[in-house]
Amino acid sequence: MTFHRLRPSGLALLLALSVLFAQRPAAAAGATHVSLAGATHVYLVRGIFDVSVGLDALAVELRRLGVASSVYSHTQSGAVAADAISDYRSGRARRIVLIGHSMGGGAVLSVADELNDAGVPVSLLIALDPTAPGPVTANVRRAVDFYIAGSGAMLAAAPGFHGRLENIDVGGIPGMDHMAVQSMPVMHGRMIGLVESARGGFFTAAQR
């Protein structure tokens, strides 16, 4: 597994936030695994100190739409990979989606690498202002990096990658910053749209 270095600008912000979130309950750092009927499973990975609570809210939105989702700490990349491999091989998940914020963005790249070694495909990988540039492994069908110039990294492809890779600078969105990228409703809407595309269908108006 590869560990990636946090950029100085992101480190300063996240260390400042550590004081605010130091008293969060220990249970919040663990994985929340919820299975629903369906062939798509979304694995979401929070950033340092588990401050990426916007991903928990996104998971709730996805479950309401009938999409299975699990939320993890960035320190649990091994558990994410093990769960995804188990879910895929058992048939519980036929389409795997990985979403990670900040250091969680680096973690989902490591997870994709482990899944590649296991012969498990990844339908969609979304990095939110990640701290590492990749690479994105050959088993990933589509990778989207919503980064902020000067803050997060742009993703690069590994040898053998033939999927679709998009690096999208969202820094021009009003109110956008390293934390807002994982919590803003507009970003949740964009990610849900990408999940819709990955699962080969669209959510109905009633579901939304």
N, C-alpha and C. Protein backbone atom coordinates (compact mmCIF):
# COMPACT_ATOMS: atom_id res chain seq x y z
N MET A 1 0.85 -1.19 0.00
CA MET A 1 0.00 0.00 0.00
C MET A 1 0.89 1.23 0.00
N THR A 2 0.53 2.25 -0.74
CA THR A 2 1.33 3.46 -0.83
C THR A 2 0.74 4.54 0.05
N PHE A 3 1.59 5.22 0.85
CA PHE A 3 1.14 6.32 1.69
C PHE A 3 1.61 7.63 1.07
N HIS A 4 0.75 8.62 1.04
CA HIS A 4 1.03 9.85 0.33
C HIS A 4 1.17 11.02 1.30
N ARG A 5 2.00 11.99 0.94
CA ARG A 5 2.30 13.14 1.79
C ARG A 5 1.26 14.24 1.60
N LEU A 6 0.80 14.81 2.70
CA LEU A 6 -0.18 15.90 2.66
C LEU A 6 0.50 17.18 2.24
N ARG A 7 -0.10 17.94 1.31
CA ARG A 7 0.45 19.22 0.88
C ARG A 7 0.43 20.23 2.03
N PRO A 8 1.43 21.14 2.10
CA PRO A 8 1.52 22.08 3.22
C PRO A 8 0.26 22.90 3.44
N SER A 9 -0.36 23.41 2.35
CA SER A 9 -1.55 24.26 2.52
C SER A 9 -2.70 23.48 3.12
N GLY A 10 -2.88 22.24 2.65
CA GLY A 10 -3.95 21.42 3.21
C GLY A 10 -3.65 21.01 4.64
N LEU A 11 -2.37 20.77 4.95
CA LEU A 11 -2.00 20.36 6.31
C LEU A 11 -2.31 21.45 7.31
N ALA A 12 -2.00 22.70 6.96
CA ALA A 12 -2.24 23.81 7.89
C ALA A 12 -3.72 23.92 8.22
N LEU A 13 -4.57 23.81 7.20
CA LEU A 13 -6.02 23.90 7.42
C LEU A 13 -6.52 22.76 8.28
N LEU A 14 -6.07 21.54 7.96
CA LEU A 14 -6.59 20.38 8.66
C LEU A 14 -6.07 20.29 10.09
N LEU A 15 -4.83 20.75 10.34
CA LEU A 15 -4.34 20.77 11.71
C LEU A 15 -5.13 21.75 12.56
N ALA A 16 -5.51 22.88 11.94
CA ALA A 16 -6.34 23.84 12.67
C ALA A 16 -7.68 23.24 13.03
N LEU A 17 -8.23 22.46 12.11
CA LEU A 17 -9.54 21.84 12.36
C LEU A 17 -9.46 20.75 13.41
N SER A 18 -8.26 20.20 13.62
CA SER A 18 -8.13 19.10 14.57
C SER A 18 -8.55 19.50 15.98
N VAL A 19 -8.30 20.77 16.35
CA VAL A 19 -8.68 21.25 17.68
C VAL A 19 -10.18 21.22 17.83
N LEU A 20 -10.88 21.65 16.76
CA LEU A 20 -12.34 21.70 16.80
C LEU A 20 -12.95 20.31 16.90
N PHE A 21 -12.34 19.34 16.21
CA PHE A 21 -12.95 18.02 16.11
C PHE A 21 -12.29 16.99 17.02
N ALA A 22 -11.41 17.41 17.90
CA ALA A 22 -10.70 16.46 18.75
C ALA A 22 -11.62 15.70 19.68
N GLN A 23 -12.77 16.31 20.04
CA GLN A 23 -13.68 15.68 20.99
C GLN A 23 -14.77 14.85 20.32
N ARG A 24 -14.64 14.58 19.01
CA ARG A 24 -15.65 13.75 18.33
C ARG A 24 -15.66 12.36 18.94
N PRO A 25 -16.81 11.72 19.04
CA PRO A 25 -16.87 10.37 19.60
C PRO A 25 -16.00 9.42 18.81
N ALA A 26 -15.40 8.45 19.52
CA ALA A 26 -14.51 7.50 18.86
C ALA A 26 -15.23 6.71 17.80
N ALA A 27 -16.49 6.44 17.99
CA ALA A 27 -17.24 5.63 17.03
C ALA A 27 -17.28 6.27 15.66
N ALA A 28 -17.15 7.60 15.62
CA ALA A 28 -17.23 8.30 14.34
C ALA A 28 -16.09 7.95 13.43
N ALA A 29 -14.96 7.47 14.00
CA ALA A 29 -13.79 7.16 13.19
C ALA A 29 -13.91 5.80 12.53
N GLY A 30 -14.85 5.00 12.94
CA GLY A 30 -14.98 3.66 12.39
C GLY A 30 -15.78 3.63 11.12
N ALA A 31 -15.88 2.46 10.56
CA ALA A 31 -16.63 2.30 9.33
C ALA A 31 -18.11 2.14 9.62
N THR A 32 -18.93 2.71 8.77
CA THR A 32 -20.37 2.51 8.83
C THR A 32 -20.76 1.79 7.55
N HIS A 33 -21.11 0.52 7.68
CA HIS A 33 -21.36 -0.32 6.51
C HIS A 33 -22.85 -0.62 6.42
N VAL A 34 -23.49 -0.14 5.39
CA VAL A 34 -24.93 -0.37 5.20
C VAL A 34 -25.15 -1.02 3.84
N SER A 35 -25.78 -2.16 3.83
CA SER A 35 -26.04 -2.87 2.58
C SER A 35 -27.50 -2.75 2.20
N LEU A 36 -27.74 -2.45 0.95
CA LEU A 36 -29.09 -2.39 0.41
C LEU A 36 -29.14 -3.27 -0.83
N ALA A 37 -30.33 -3.65 -1.19
CA ALA A 37 -30.48 -4.44 -2.41
C ALA A 37 -30.02 -3.62 -3.60
N GLY A 38 -29.27 -4.22 -4.49
CA GLY A 38 -28.81 -3.50 -5.67
C GLY A 38 -27.41 -3.90 -6.02
N ALA A 39 -27.01 -3.58 -7.24
CA ALA A 39 -25.73 -4.05 -7.75
C ALA A 39 -24.62 -3.04 -7.60
N THR A 40 -24.92 -1.82 -7.13
CA THR A 40 -23.90 -0.79 -6.98
C THR A 40 -23.64 -0.55 -5.50
N HIS A 41 -22.36 -0.46 -5.14
CA HIS A 41 -22.01 -0.13 -3.75
C HIS A 41 -21.00 1.00 -3.78
N VAL A 42 -21.25 2.03 -2.96
CA VAL A 42 -20.38 3.19 -2.88
C VAL A 42 -19.62 3.13 -1.55
N TYR A 43 -18.29 3.21 -1.64
CA TYR A 43 -17.42 3.20 -0.46
C TYR A 43 -16.83 4.60 -0.33
N LEU A 44 -17.17 5.30 0.76
CA LEU A 44 -16.74 6.68 0.96
C LEU A 44 -15.69 6.73 2.06
N VAL A 45 -14.62 7.50 1.83
CA VAL A 45 -13.51 7.54 2.78
C VAL A 45 -13.24 8.99 3.19
N ARG A 46 -13.36 9.25 4.49
CA ARG A 46 -13.14 10.58 5.04
C ARG A 46 -11.66 10.94 5.06
N GLY A 47 -11.38 12.24 5.25
CA GLY A 47 -10.02 12.71 5.36
C GLY A 47 -9.51 12.65 6.79
N ILE A 48 -8.39 13.33 7.03
CA ILE A 48 -7.72 13.29 8.33
C ILE A 48 -8.66 13.77 9.45
N PHE A 49 -8.52 13.12 10.62
CA PHE A 49 -9.34 13.41 11.80
C PHE A 49 -10.84 13.17 11.56
N ASP A 50 -11.18 12.53 10.45
CA ASP A 50 -12.58 12.22 10.13
C ASP A 50 -13.48 13.44 10.13
N VAL A 51 -12.92 14.58 9.69
CA VAL A 51 -13.72 15.81 9.65
C VAL A 51 -14.61 15.88 8.41
N SER A 52 -14.48 14.93 7.49
CA SER A 52 -15.23 14.99 6.23
C SER A 52 -16.65 14.47 6.40
N VAL A 53 -17.39 15.09 7.31
CA VAL A 53 -18.73 14.59 7.63
C VAL A 53 -19.73 14.82 6.50
N GLY A 54 -19.35 15.64 5.52
CA GLY A 54 -20.21 15.77 4.35
C GLY A 54 -20.37 14.45 3.61
N LEU A 55 -19.38 13.58 3.73
CA LEU A 55 -19.48 12.26 3.09
C LEU A 55 -20.51 11.39 3.80
N ASP A 56 -20.65 11.57 5.11
CA ASP A 56 -21.71 10.84 5.83
C ASP A 56 -23.08 11.28 5.34
N ALA A 57 -23.24 12.59 5.13
CA ALA A 57 -24.50 13.11 4.62
C ALA A 57 -24.76 12.61 3.20
N LEU A 58 -23.70 12.53 2.39
CA LEU A 58 -23.84 12.01 1.03
C LEU A 58 -24.25 10.54 1.06
N ALA A 59 -23.68 9.78 1.98
CA ALA A 59 -24.06 8.37 2.11
C ALA A 59 -25.54 8.22 2.44
N VAL A 60 -26.04 9.10 3.30
CA VAL A 60 -27.47 9.07 3.64
C VAL A 60 -28.31 9.34 2.39
N GLU A 61 -27.91 10.33 1.60
CA GLU A 61 -28.63 10.64 0.36
C GLU A 61 -28.63 9.44 -0.58
N LEU A 62 -27.49 8.79 -0.71
CA LEU A 62 -27.39 7.63 -1.60
C LEU A 62 -28.27 6.49 -1.13
N ARG A 63 -28.27 6.23 0.17
CA ARG A 63 -29.11 5.15 0.70
C ARG A 63 -30.59 5.45 0.46
N ARG A 64 -30.95 6.73 0.59
CA ARG A 64 -32.35 7.11 0.33
C ARG A 64 -32.73 6.82 -1.11
N LEU A 65 -31.72 6.89 -2.00
CA LEU A 65 -31.95 6.60 -3.41
C LEU A 65 -31.82 5.12 -3.73
N GLY A 66 -31.57 4.30 -2.71
CA GLY A 66 -31.50 2.86 -2.91
C GLY A 66 -30.12 2.35 -3.27
N VAL A 67 -29.08 3.15 -3.04
CA VAL A 67 -27.71 2.74 -3.36
C VAL A 67 -26.98 2.39 -2.07
N ALA A 68 -26.46 1.18 -1.98
CA ALA A 68 -25.71 0.77 -0.79
C ALA A 68 -24.48 1.64 -0.63
N SER A 69 -24.15 1.98 0.61
CA SER A 69 -23.00 2.83 0.85
C SER A 69 -22.37 2.51 2.19
N SER A 70 -21.06 2.74 2.27
CA SER A 70 -20.30 2.52 3.50
C SER A 70 -19.34 3.68 3.67
N VAL A 71 -19.15 4.13 4.92
CA VAL A 71 -18.28 5.26 5.21
C VAL A 71 -17.14 4.78 6.12
N TYR A 72 -15.91 5.21 5.78
CA TYR A 72 -14.72 4.78 6.50
C TYR A 72 -13.81 5.96 6.81
N SER A 73 -12.87 5.72 7.73
CA SER A 73 -11.77 6.64 7.97
C SER A 73 -10.68 6.39 6.93
N HIS A 74 -9.84 7.40 6.67
CA HIS A 74 -8.76 7.22 5.70
C HIS A 74 -7.72 6.22 6.19
N THR A 75 -7.72 5.91 7.49
CA THR A 75 -6.79 4.91 8.03
C THR A 75 -7.26 3.48 7.78
N GLN A 76 -8.45 3.32 7.21
CA GLN A 76 -9.05 1.99 7.04
C GLN A 76 -9.03 1.51 5.59
N SER A 77 -8.05 1.94 4.81
CA SER A 77 -8.05 1.56 3.40
C SER A 77 -8.00 0.05 3.22
N GLY A 78 -7.30 -0.65 4.12
CA GLY A 78 -7.27 -2.10 4.04
C GLY A 78 -8.64 -2.71 4.23
N ALA A 79 -9.42 -2.16 5.18
CA ALA A 79 -10.78 -2.65 5.42
C ALA A 79 -11.69 -2.34 4.24
N VAL A 80 -11.51 -1.16 3.64
CA VAL A 80 -12.31 -0.81 2.46
C VAL A 80 -12.06 -1.82 1.35
N ALA A 81 -10.79 -2.10 1.09
CA ALA A 81 -10.45 -3.05 0.02
C ALA A 81 -11.01 -4.43 0.32
N ALA A 82 -10.85 -4.88 1.57
CA ALA A 82 -11.35 -6.21 1.94
C ALA A 82 -12.86 -6.30 1.78
N ASP A 83 -13.58 -5.27 2.22
CA ASP A 83 -15.03 -5.27 2.09
C ASP A 83 -15.46 -5.25 0.62
N ALA A 84 -14.79 -4.41 -0.18
CA ALA A 84 -15.16 -4.31 -1.59
C ALA A 84 -14.89 -5.62 -2.33
N ILE A 85 -13.76 -6.25 -2.03
CA ILE A 85 -13.44 -7.54 -2.67
C ILE A 85 -14.47 -8.59 -2.28
N SER A 86 -14.81 -8.64 -0.98
CA SER A 86 -15.80 -9.60 -0.50
C SER A 86 -17.17 -9.34 -1.13
N ASP A 87 -17.59 -8.07 -1.17
CA ASP A 87 -18.89 -7.73 -1.74
C ASP A 87 -18.95 -8.08 -3.22
N TYR A 88 -17.85 -7.84 -3.94
CA TYR A 88 -17.83 -8.12 -5.38
C TYR A 88 -17.85 -9.62 -5.64
N ARG A 89 -17.02 -10.35 -4.93
CA ARG A 89 -16.93 -11.80 -5.18
C ARG A 89 -18.17 -12.54 -4.75
N SER A 90 -18.90 -11.99 -3.76
CA SER A 90 -20.13 -12.64 -3.30
C SER A 90 -21.32 -12.28 -4.19
N GLY A 91 -21.15 -11.28 -5.04
CA GLY A 91 -22.25 -10.83 -5.90
C GLY A 91 -23.09 -9.74 -5.28
N ARG A 92 -22.77 -9.32 -4.05
CA ARG A 92 -23.53 -8.25 -3.42
C ARG A 92 -23.30 -6.91 -4.14
N ALA A 93 -22.13 -6.76 -4.73
CA ALA A 93 -21.81 -5.52 -5.46
C ALA A 93 -21.20 -5.90 -6.80
N ARG A 94 -21.84 -5.47 -7.87
CA ARG A 94 -21.29 -5.71 -9.21
C ARG A 94 -20.64 -4.47 -9.77
N ARG A 95 -20.99 -3.32 -9.22
CA ARG A 95 -20.35 -2.05 -9.62
C ARG A 95 -19.83 -1.37 -8.36
N ILE A 96 -18.54 -1.16 -8.32
CA ILE A 96 -17.90 -0.56 -7.15
C ILE A 96 -17.57 0.89 -7.44
N VAL A 97 -17.96 1.77 -6.51
CA VAL A 97 -17.67 3.21 -6.60
C VAL A 97 -16.86 3.60 -5.37
N LEU A 98 -15.75 4.29 -5.59
CA LEU A 98 -14.90 4.77 -4.51
C LEU A 98 -14.91 6.30 -4.49
N ILE A 99 -15.18 6.88 -3.31
CA ILE A 99 -15.17 8.34 -3.16
C ILE A 99 -14.32 8.68 -1.94
N GLY A 100 -13.35 9.58 -2.10
CA GLY A 100 -12.51 9.95 -0.98
C GLY A 100 -12.18 11.43 -0.97
N HIS A 101 -12.11 12.01 0.23
CA HIS A 101 -11.80 13.44 0.39
C HIS A 101 -10.44 13.62 1.05
N SER A 102 -9.63 14.55 0.53
CA SER A 102 -8.35 14.91 1.12
C SER A 102 -7.47 13.67 1.25
N MET A 103 -7.05 13.30 2.45
CA MET A 103 -6.25 12.08 2.61
C MET A 103 -7.07 10.84 2.25
N GLY A 104 -8.40 10.96 2.35
CA GLY A 104 -9.26 9.88 1.88
C GLY A 104 -9.18 9.72 0.38
N GLY A 105 -8.88 10.83 -0.33
CA GLY A 105 -8.67 10.74 -1.77
C GLY A 105 -7.45 9.91 -2.10
N GLY A 106 -6.38 10.08 -1.32
CA GLY A 106 -5.21 9.22 -1.49
C GLY A 106 -5.52 7.78 -1.11
N ALA A 107 -6.36 7.61 -0.08
CA ALA A 107 -6.71 6.26 0.37
C ALA A 107 -7.47 5.49 -0.69
N VAL A 108 -8.43 6.14 -1.40
CA VAL A 108 -9.19 5.39 -2.40
C VAL A 108 -8.31 5.00 -3.59
N LEU A 109 -7.25 5.77 -3.84
CA LEU A 109 -6.30 5.37 -4.88
C LEU A 109 -5.56 4.11 -4.46
N SER A 110 -5.20 4.02 -3.19
CA SER A 110 -4.57 2.81 -2.66
C SER A 110 -5.53 1.63 -2.70
N VAL A 111 -6.81 1.89 -2.38
CA VAL A 111 -7.82 0.83 -2.44
C VAL A 111 -7.95 0.31 -3.87
N ALA A 112 -8.02 1.22 -4.83
CA ALA A 112 -8.12 0.81 -6.23
C ALA A 112 -6.93 -0.05 -6.63
N ASP A 113 -5.76 0.28 -6.12
CA ASP A 113 -4.55 -0.50 -6.40
C ASP A 113 -4.69 -1.92 -5.85
N GLU A 114 -5.20 -2.03 -4.62
CA GLU A 114 -5.41 -3.36 -4.04
C GLU A 114 -6.46 -4.15 -4.82
N LEU A 115 -7.52 -3.48 -5.25
CA LEU A 115 -8.55 -4.16 -6.03
C LEU A 115 -7.99 -4.61 -7.38
N ASN A 116 -7.10 -3.80 -7.95
CA ASN A 116 -6.46 -4.17 -9.20
C ASN A 116 -5.68 -5.47 -9.04
N ASP A 117 -4.93 -5.58 -7.94
CA ASP A 117 -4.17 -6.81 -7.67
C ASP A 117 -5.09 -8.01 -7.50
N ALA A 118 -6.32 -7.75 -7.00
CA ALA A 118 -7.28 -8.84 -6.77
C ALA A 118 -8.15 -9.13 -7.99
N GLY A 119 -7.95 -8.38 -9.07
CA GLY A 119 -8.75 -8.59 -10.28
C GLY A 119 -10.17 -8.07 -10.16
N VAL A 120 -10.37 -7.06 -9.31
CA VAL A 120 -11.71 -6.50 -9.10
C VAL A 120 -11.80 -5.13 -9.78
N PRO A 121 -12.77 -4.93 -10.67
CA PRO A 121 -12.89 -3.65 -11.37
C PRO A 121 -13.54 -2.57 -10.51
N VAL A 122 -13.21 -1.33 -10.82
CA VAL A 122 -13.82 -0.16 -10.16
C VAL A 122 -14.56 0.63 -11.23
N SER A 123 -15.86 0.75 -11.09
CA SER A 123 -16.66 1.46 -12.08
C SER A 123 -16.40 2.96 -12.06
N LEU A 124 -16.20 3.51 -10.85
CA LEU A 124 -16.04 4.96 -10.71
C LEU A 124 -15.20 5.26 -9.49
N LEU A 125 -14.24 6.17 -9.65
CA LEU A 125 -13.45 6.68 -8.53
C LEU A 125 -13.56 8.19 -8.54
N ILE A 126 -13.95 8.77 -7.40
CA ILE A 126 -14.05 10.22 -7.27
C ILE A 126 -13.11 10.66 -6.16
N ALA A 127 -12.20 11.57 -6.49
CA ALA A 127 -11.30 12.16 -5.49
C ALA A 127 -11.71 13.62 -5.29
N LEU A 128 -11.81 14.02 -4.04
CA LEU A 128 -12.21 15.39 -3.70
C LEU A 128 -11.02 16.12 -3.09
N ASP A 129 -10.42 17.01 -3.86
CA ASP A 129 -9.24 17.76 -3.46
C ASP A 129 -8.23 16.83 -2.77
N PRO A 130 -7.79 15.80 -3.49
CA PRO A 130 -6.93 14.78 -2.87
C PRO A 130 -5.53 15.30 -2.57
N THR A 131 -4.86 14.63 -1.63
CA THR A 131 -3.51 15.01 -1.25
C THR A 131 -2.46 14.30 -2.09
N ALA A 132 -2.88 13.37 -2.95
CA ALA A 132 -1.94 12.60 -3.76
C ALA A 132 -2.41 12.54 -5.21
N PRO A 133 -1.46 12.48 -6.17
CA PRO A 133 -1.83 12.50 -7.58
C PRO A 133 -2.13 11.14 -8.18
N GLY A 134 -2.05 10.11 -7.42
CA GLY A 134 -2.33 8.78 -7.97
C GLY A 134 -1.09 7.90 -7.89
N PRO A 135 -0.92 7.02 -8.86
CA PRO A 135 -1.66 6.99 -10.12
C PRO A 135 -2.98 6.23 -10.03
N VAL A 136 -3.82 6.43 -11.05
CA VAL A 136 -5.09 5.72 -11.17
C VAL A 136 -4.82 4.42 -11.91
N THR A 137 -5.13 3.31 -11.27
CA THR A 137 -4.78 2.00 -11.81
C THR A 137 -5.68 1.56 -12.96
N ALA A 138 -5.22 0.52 -13.67
CA ALA A 138 -5.85 0.10 -14.92
C ALA A 138 -7.24 -0.48 -14.73
N ASN A 139 -7.61 -0.89 -13.50
CA ASN A 139 -8.93 -1.48 -13.27
C ASN A 139 -10.03 -0.45 -13.10
N VAL A 140 -9.68 0.83 -13.10
CA VAL A 140 -10.67 1.90 -12.91
C VAL A 140 -11.23 2.31 -14.27
N ARG A 141 -12.55 2.23 -14.39
CA ARG A 141 -13.20 2.59 -15.65
C ARG A 141 -13.28 4.09 -15.84
N ARG A 142 -13.59 4.82 -14.77
CA ARG A 142 -13.69 6.28 -14.85
C ARG A 142 -13.20 6.88 -13.55
N ALA A 143 -12.37 7.90 -13.63
CA ALA A 143 -11.88 8.60 -12.45
C ALA A 143 -12.13 10.09 -12.63
N VAL A 144 -12.70 10.72 -11.59
CA VAL A 144 -12.98 12.15 -11.62
C VAL A 144 -12.35 12.79 -10.39
N ASP A 145 -11.53 13.80 -10.62
CA ASP A 145 -10.88 14.51 -9.54
C ASP A 145 -11.42 15.93 -9.49
N PHE A 146 -12.18 16.24 -8.43
CA PHE A 146 -12.65 17.60 -8.19
C PHE A 146 -11.63 18.25 -7.26
N TYR A 147 -10.73 19.03 -7.84
CA TYR A 147 -9.65 19.61 -7.05
C TYR A 147 -9.74 21.13 -7.06
N ILE A 148 -8.97 21.75 -6.16
CA ILE A 148 -8.87 23.20 -6.08
C ILE A 148 -7.41 23.55 -6.35
N ALA A 149 -7.15 24.32 -7.38
CA ALA A 149 -5.78 24.67 -7.74
C ALA A 149 -5.06 25.30 -6.56
N GLY A 150 -3.85 24.81 -6.28
CA GLY A 150 -3.08 25.31 -5.16
C GLY A 150 -3.37 24.61 -3.85
N SER A 151 -4.36 23.71 -3.85
CA SER A 151 -4.72 22.97 -2.64
C SER A 151 -4.56 21.48 -2.85
N GLY A 152 -5.37 20.91 -3.75
CA GLY A 152 -5.33 19.48 -4.00
C GLY A 152 -4.48 19.12 -5.20
N ALA A 153 -4.31 17.83 -5.40
CA ALA A 153 -3.50 17.31 -6.50
C ALA A 153 -4.37 16.94 -7.69
N MET A 154 -3.77 16.98 -8.87
CA MET A 154 -4.40 16.46 -10.08
C MET A 154 -3.99 14.99 -10.23
N LEU A 155 -4.94 14.15 -10.63
CA LEU A 155 -4.66 12.73 -10.77
C LEU A 155 -3.93 12.43 -12.08
N ALA A 156 -3.13 11.38 -12.03
CA ALA A 156 -2.41 10.90 -13.21
C ALA A 156 -2.74 9.42 -13.40
N ALA A 157 -2.60 8.95 -14.62
CA ALA A 157 -2.92 7.56 -14.95
C ALA A 157 -1.70 6.67 -14.81
N ALA A 158 -1.92 5.45 -14.32
CA ALA A 158 -0.86 4.45 -14.26
C ALA A 158 -0.71 3.79 -15.63
N PRO A 159 0.42 3.18 -15.90
CA PRO A 159 0.57 2.42 -17.15
C PRO A 159 -0.54 1.39 -17.29
N GLY A 160 -1.11 1.29 -18.47
CA GLY A 160 -2.18 0.33 -18.72
C GLY A 160 -3.57 0.88 -18.49
N PHE A 161 -3.67 2.10 -17.97
CA PHE A 161 -4.98 2.70 -17.75
C PHE A 161 -5.58 3.13 -19.09
N HIS A 162 -6.78 2.64 -19.37
CA HIS A 162 -7.46 2.99 -20.63
C HIS A 162 -8.87 3.53 -20.38
N GLY A 163 -9.12 3.92 -19.14
CA GLY A 163 -10.43 4.45 -18.81
C GLY A 163 -10.52 5.94 -19.09
N ARG A 164 -11.46 6.56 -18.45
CA ARG A 164 -11.69 8.00 -18.61
C ARG A 164 -11.23 8.73 -17.36
N LEU A 165 -10.32 9.67 -17.52
CA LEU A 165 -9.77 10.42 -16.39
C LEU A 165 -10.03 11.91 -16.59
N GLU A 166 -10.69 12.52 -15.58
CA GLU A 166 -11.04 13.94 -15.64
C GLU A 166 -10.53 14.64 -14.39
N ASN A 167 -9.75 15.70 -14.59
CA ASN A 167 -9.32 16.58 -13.50
C ASN A 167 -10.08 17.89 -13.66
N ILE A 168 -10.95 18.19 -12.70
CA ILE A 168 -11.85 19.34 -12.81
C ILE A 168 -11.56 20.32 -11.67
N ASP A 169 -11.10 21.52 -12.01
CA ASP A 169 -10.84 22.55 -11.01
C ASP A 169 -12.16 23.22 -10.63
N VAL A 170 -12.58 23.00 -9.38
CA VAL A 170 -13.85 23.57 -8.91
C VAL A 170 -13.63 24.80 -8.04
N GLY A 171 -12.41 25.33 -8.05
CA GLY A 171 -12.08 26.46 -7.21
C GLY A 171 -12.87 27.71 -7.51
N GLY A 172 -13.46 27.81 -8.71
CA GLY A 172 -14.22 28.99 -9.08
C GLY A 172 -15.64 29.01 -8.55
N ILE A 173 -16.09 27.92 -7.94
CA ILE A 173 -17.45 27.88 -7.38
C ILE A 173 -17.50 28.75 -6.12
N PRO A 174 -18.44 29.68 -6.02
CA PRO A 174 -18.52 30.54 -4.82
C PRO A 174 -18.60 29.73 -3.53
N GLY A 175 -17.76 30.09 -2.56
CA GLY A 175 -17.75 29.41 -1.28
C GLY A 175 -16.92 28.15 -1.24
N MET A 176 -16.28 27.81 -2.34
CA MET A 176 -15.54 26.55 -2.40
C MET A 176 -14.22 26.65 -1.66
N ASP A 177 -13.90 25.61 -0.90
CA ASP A 177 -12.58 25.46 -0.29
C ASP A 177 -12.36 23.97 -0.02
N HIS A 178 -11.27 23.66 0.66
CA HIS A 178 -10.88 22.26 0.85
C HIS A 178 -11.94 21.46 1.61
N MET A 179 -12.64 22.07 2.54
CA MET A 179 -13.68 21.36 3.27
C MET A 179 -15.02 21.40 2.56
N ALA A 180 -15.32 22.52 1.93
CA ALA A 180 -16.62 22.67 1.26
C ALA A 180 -16.78 21.69 0.10
N VAL A 181 -15.68 21.27 -0.49
CA VAL A 181 -15.77 20.39 -1.67
C VAL A 181 -16.48 19.07 -1.35
N GLN A 182 -16.47 18.66 -0.08
CA GLN A 182 -17.12 17.39 0.28
C GLN A 182 -18.48 17.58 0.94
N SER A 183 -18.88 18.84 1.14
CA SER A 183 -20.13 19.07 1.86
C SER A 183 -21.16 19.91 1.10
N MET A 184 -20.73 20.68 0.09
CA MET A 184 -21.66 21.56 -0.61
C MET A 184 -22.72 20.77 -1.37
N PRO A 185 -24.00 21.19 -1.31
CA PRO A 185 -25.05 20.50 -2.05
C PRO A 185 -24.76 20.37 -3.55
N VAL A 186 -24.14 21.41 -4.13
CA VAL A 186 -23.84 21.33 -5.56
C VAL A 186 -22.87 20.21 -5.85
N MET A 187 -21.93 19.96 -4.95
CA MET A 187 -20.99 18.85 -5.15
C MET A 187 -21.66 17.51 -4.93
N HIS A 188 -22.56 17.44 -3.96
CA HIS A 188 -23.31 16.20 -3.76
C HIS A 188 -24.12 15.88 -5.00
N GLY A 189 -24.73 16.91 -5.59
CA GLY A 189 -25.51 16.69 -6.80
C GLY A 189 -24.66 16.16 -7.94
N ARG A 190 -23.45 16.70 -8.08
CA ARG A 190 -22.57 16.24 -9.16
C ARG A 190 -22.12 14.80 -8.93
N MET A 191 -21.83 14.47 -7.68
CA MET A 191 -21.40 13.11 -7.39
C MET A 191 -22.53 12.11 -7.56
N ILE A 192 -23.73 12.47 -7.15
CA ILE A 192 -24.88 11.58 -7.35
C ILE A 192 -25.12 11.36 -8.83
N GLY A 193 -24.94 12.41 -9.64
CA GLY A 193 -25.08 12.26 -11.08
C GLY A 193 -24.06 11.29 -11.64
N LEU A 194 -22.83 11.34 -11.14
CA LEU A 194 -21.80 10.41 -11.60
C LEU A 194 -22.12 8.98 -11.18
N VAL A 195 -22.67 8.81 -9.98
CA VAL A 195 -23.08 7.47 -9.54
C VAL A 195 -24.22 6.96 -10.43
N GLU A 196 -25.14 7.85 -10.77
CA GLU A 196 -26.22 7.48 -11.69
C GLU A 196 -25.65 6.92 -12.99
N SER A 197 -24.69 7.64 -13.54
CA SER A 197 -24.08 7.22 -14.80
C SER A 197 -23.36 5.88 -14.65
N ALA A 198 -22.65 5.70 -13.55
CA ALA A 198 -21.89 4.47 -13.33
C ALA A 198 -22.80 3.26 -13.20
N ARG A 199 -23.98 3.46 -12.63
CA ARG A 199 -24.89 2.34 -12.43
C ARG A 199 -25.76 2.08 -13.65
N GLY A 200 -25.59 2.89 -14.70
CA GLY A 200 -26.27 2.64 -15.96
C GLY A 200 -27.73 3.00 -15.97
N GLY A 201 -28.13 3.92 -15.11
CA GLY A 201 -29.54 4.32 -15.08
C GLY A 201 -29.67 5.65 -14.38
N PHE A 202 -30.91 6.09 -14.20
CA PHE A 202 -31.15 7.38 -13.58
C PHE A 202 -32.17 7.21 -12.46
N PHE A 203 -31.97 8.01 -11.40
CA PHE A 203 -32.90 8.00 -10.30
C PHE A 203 -34.18 8.72 -10.73
N THR A 204 -35.30 8.18 -10.30
CA THR A 204 -36.59 8.79 -10.66
C THR A 204 -36.83 10.04 -9.83
N ALA A 205 -37.79 10.85 -10.27
CA ALA A 205 -38.15 12.04 -9.52
C ALA A 205 -38.64 11.67 -8.13
N ALA A 206 -39.36 10.55 -8.03
CA ALA A 206 -39.87 10.11 -6.73
C ALA A 206 -38.74 9.76 -5.78
N GLN A 207 -37.65 9.13 -6.32
CA GLN A 207 -36.50 8.79 -5.49
C GLN A 207 -35.81 10.05 -5.00
N ARG A 208 -35.68 11.04 -5.88
CA ARG A 208 -35.01 12.27 -5.49
C ARG A 208 -35.92 13.08 -4.56
